[in-house]
Amino acid sequence: MAHIKIRVNIVSSGPTKTEIMTKAGLDEKTLEGLNDWMINAIPLKKLGTAEDVAEIKKSTSTIRGYFSR
């Protein structure tokens, strides 16, 4: 997108704890095992939360970020 002077900002949060897996039908024991597996693969040893993602987005957003030159 840079070649047409469009700047794109993204937040790639990695594994984030949400309700989606429960809604997908995973039982509590399976979900716990999946979470443990993911946590062991993550350098920080924790799943992110929606609040973590919101805080990162908030801290990197500025009015200037909405406009390109």
C-alpha atoms as a PDB file:
ATOM      1  CA  MET A   1       0.000   0.000   0.000  1.00  0.00           C
ATOM      2  CA  ALA A   2       3.001   2.296   0.477  1.00  0.00           C
ATOM      3  CA  HIS A   3       3.410   2.684  -3.264  1.00  0.00           C
ATOM      4  CA  ILE A   4       0.037   4.460  -3.371  1.00  0.00           C
ATOM      5  CA  LYS A   5       0.766   6.415  -0.171  1.00  0.00           C
ATOM      6  CA  ILE A   6      -1.656   4.541   2.057  1.00  0.00           C
ATOM      7  CA  ARG A   7      -0.360   3.788   5.527  1.00  0.00           C
ATOM      8  CA  VAL A   8      -1.819   0.761   7.281  1.00  0.00           C
ATOM      9  CA  ASN A   9      -1.490   0.219  11.013  1.00  0.00           C
ATOM     10  CA  ILE A  10      -2.375  -3.117  12.556  1.00  0.00           C
ATOM     11  CA  VAL A  11      -2.134  -4.778  15.918  1.00  0.00           C
ATOM     12  CA  SER A  12      -1.261  -8.449  15.705  1.00  0.00           C
ATOM     13  CA  SER A  13      -2.000  -9.601  19.216  1.00  0.00           C
ATOM     14  CA  GLY A  14      -1.266 -13.290  18.914  1.00  0.00           C
ATOM     15  CA  PRO A  15      -3.263 -15.768  21.021  1.00  0.00           C
ATOM     16  CA  THR A  16      -5.984 -13.875  22.877  1.00  0.00           C
ATOM     17  CA  LYS A  17      -8.411 -15.293  25.411  1.00  0.00           C
ATOM     18  CA  THR A  18     -11.958 -14.796  24.149  1.00  0.00           C
ATOM     19  CA  GLU A  19     -15.259 -16.679  24.203  1.00  0.00           C
ATOM     20  CA  ILE A  20     -14.866 -17.983  20.643  1.00  0.00           C
ATOM     21  CA  MET A  21     -13.589 -21.440  21.600  1.00  0.00           C
ATOM     22  CA  THR A  22     -16.406 -21.980  24.087  1.00  0.00           C
ATOM     23  CA  LYS A  23     -18.890 -20.818  21.462  1.00  0.00           C
ATOM     24  CA  ALA A  24     -17.275 -23.256  19.016  1.00  0.00           C
ATOM     25  CA  GLY A  25     -18.312 -26.065  21.335  1.00  0.00           C
ATOM     26  CA  LEU A  26     -15.105 -26.947  23.179  1.00  0.00           C
ATOM     27  CA  ASP A  27     -15.724 -28.321  26.648  1.00  0.00           C
ATOM     28  CA  GLU A  28     -13.922 -26.859  29.664  1.00  0.00           C
ATOM     29  CA  LYS A  29     -11.320 -29.635  29.925  1.00  0.00           C
ATOM     30  CA  THR A  30     -10.403 -29.445  26.225  1.00  0.00           C
ATOM     31  CA  LEU A  31     -10.241 -25.652  26.385  1.00  0.00           C
ATOM     32  CA  GLU A  32      -7.979 -25.801  29.436  1.00  0.00           C
ATOM     33  CA  GLY A  33      -5.634 -28.208  27.620  1.00  0.00           C
ATOM     34  CA  LEU A  34      -5.559 -25.990  24.527  1.00  0.00           C
ATOM     35  CA  ASN A  35      -4.861 -22.887  26.623  1.00  0.00           C
ATOM     36  CA  ASP A  36      -2.048 -24.675  28.492  1.00  0.00           C
ATOM     37  CA  TRP A  37      -0.514 -25.764  25.165  1.00  0.00           C
ATOM     38  CA  MET A  38      -0.656 -22.207  23.776  1.00  0.00           C
ATOM     39  CA  ILE A  39       0.708 -20.645  26.969  1.00  0.00           C
ATOM     40  CA  ASN A  40       3.700 -22.992  26.892  1.00  0.00           C
ATOM     41  CA  ALA A  41       4.426 -21.878  23.304  1.00  0.00           C
ATOM     42  CA  ILE A  42       4.239 -18.143  24.084  1.00  0.00           C
ATOM     43  CA  PRO A  43       7.445 -16.421  25.289  1.00  0.00           C
ATOM     44  CA  LEU A  44       5.536 -14.339  27.877  1.00  0.00           C
ATOM     45  CA  LYS A  45       3.716 -17.474  29.093  1.00  0.00           C
ATOM     46  CA  LYS A  46       0.275 -15.831  29.052  1.00  0.00           C
ATOM     47  CA  LEU A  47      -2.664 -15.401  26.746  1.00  0.00           C
ATOM     48  CA  GLY A  48      -3.581 -11.867  25.843  1.00  0.00           C
ATOM     49  CA  THR A  49      -6.953 -10.400  26.741  1.00  0.00           C
ATOM     50  CA  ALA A  50      -9.299  -8.119  24.833  1.00  0.00           C
ATOM     51  CA  GLU A  51      -8.328  -5.415  27.324  1.00  0.00           C
ATOM     52  CA  ASP A  52      -4.617  -5.902  26.470  1.00  0.00           C
ATOM     53  CA  VAL A  53      -5.366  -5.441  22.772  1.00  0.00           C
ATOM     54  CA  ALA A  54      -7.516  -2.371  23.440  1.00  0.00           C
ATOM     55  CA  GLU A  55      -4.796  -0.796  25.572  1.00  0.00           C
ATOM     56  CA  ILE A  56      -2.143  -1.360  22.899  1.00  0.00           C
ATOM     57  CA  LYS A  57      -4.394   0.072  20.211  1.00  0.00           C
ATOM     58  CA  LYS A  58      -5.261   3.057  22.390  1.00  0.00           C
ATOM     59  CA  SER A  59      -1.628   3.764  23.203  1.00  0.00           C
ATOM     60  CA  THR A  60      -0.572   3.650  19.545  1.00  0.00           C
ATOM     61  CA  SER A  61      -3.482   5.662  18.169  1.00  0.00           C
ATOM     62  CA  THR A  62      -3.235   9.365  17.603  1.00  0.00           C
ATOM     63  CA  ILE A  63      -5.232  11.810  15.562  1.00  0.00           C
ATOM     64  CA  ARG A  64      -2.191  12.075  13.296  1.00  0.00           C
ATOM     65  CA  GLY A  65      -2.496   8.349  12.600  1.00  0.00           C
ATOM     66  CA  TYR A  66      -5.759   8.940  10.756  1.00  0.00           C
ATOM     67  CA  PHE A  67      -4.180  11.105   8.080  1.00  0.00           C
ATOM     68  CA  SER A  68      -1.450  10.520   5.536  1.00  0.00           C
ATOM     69  CA  ARG A  69       0.611  13.125   3.782  1.00  0.00           C
END
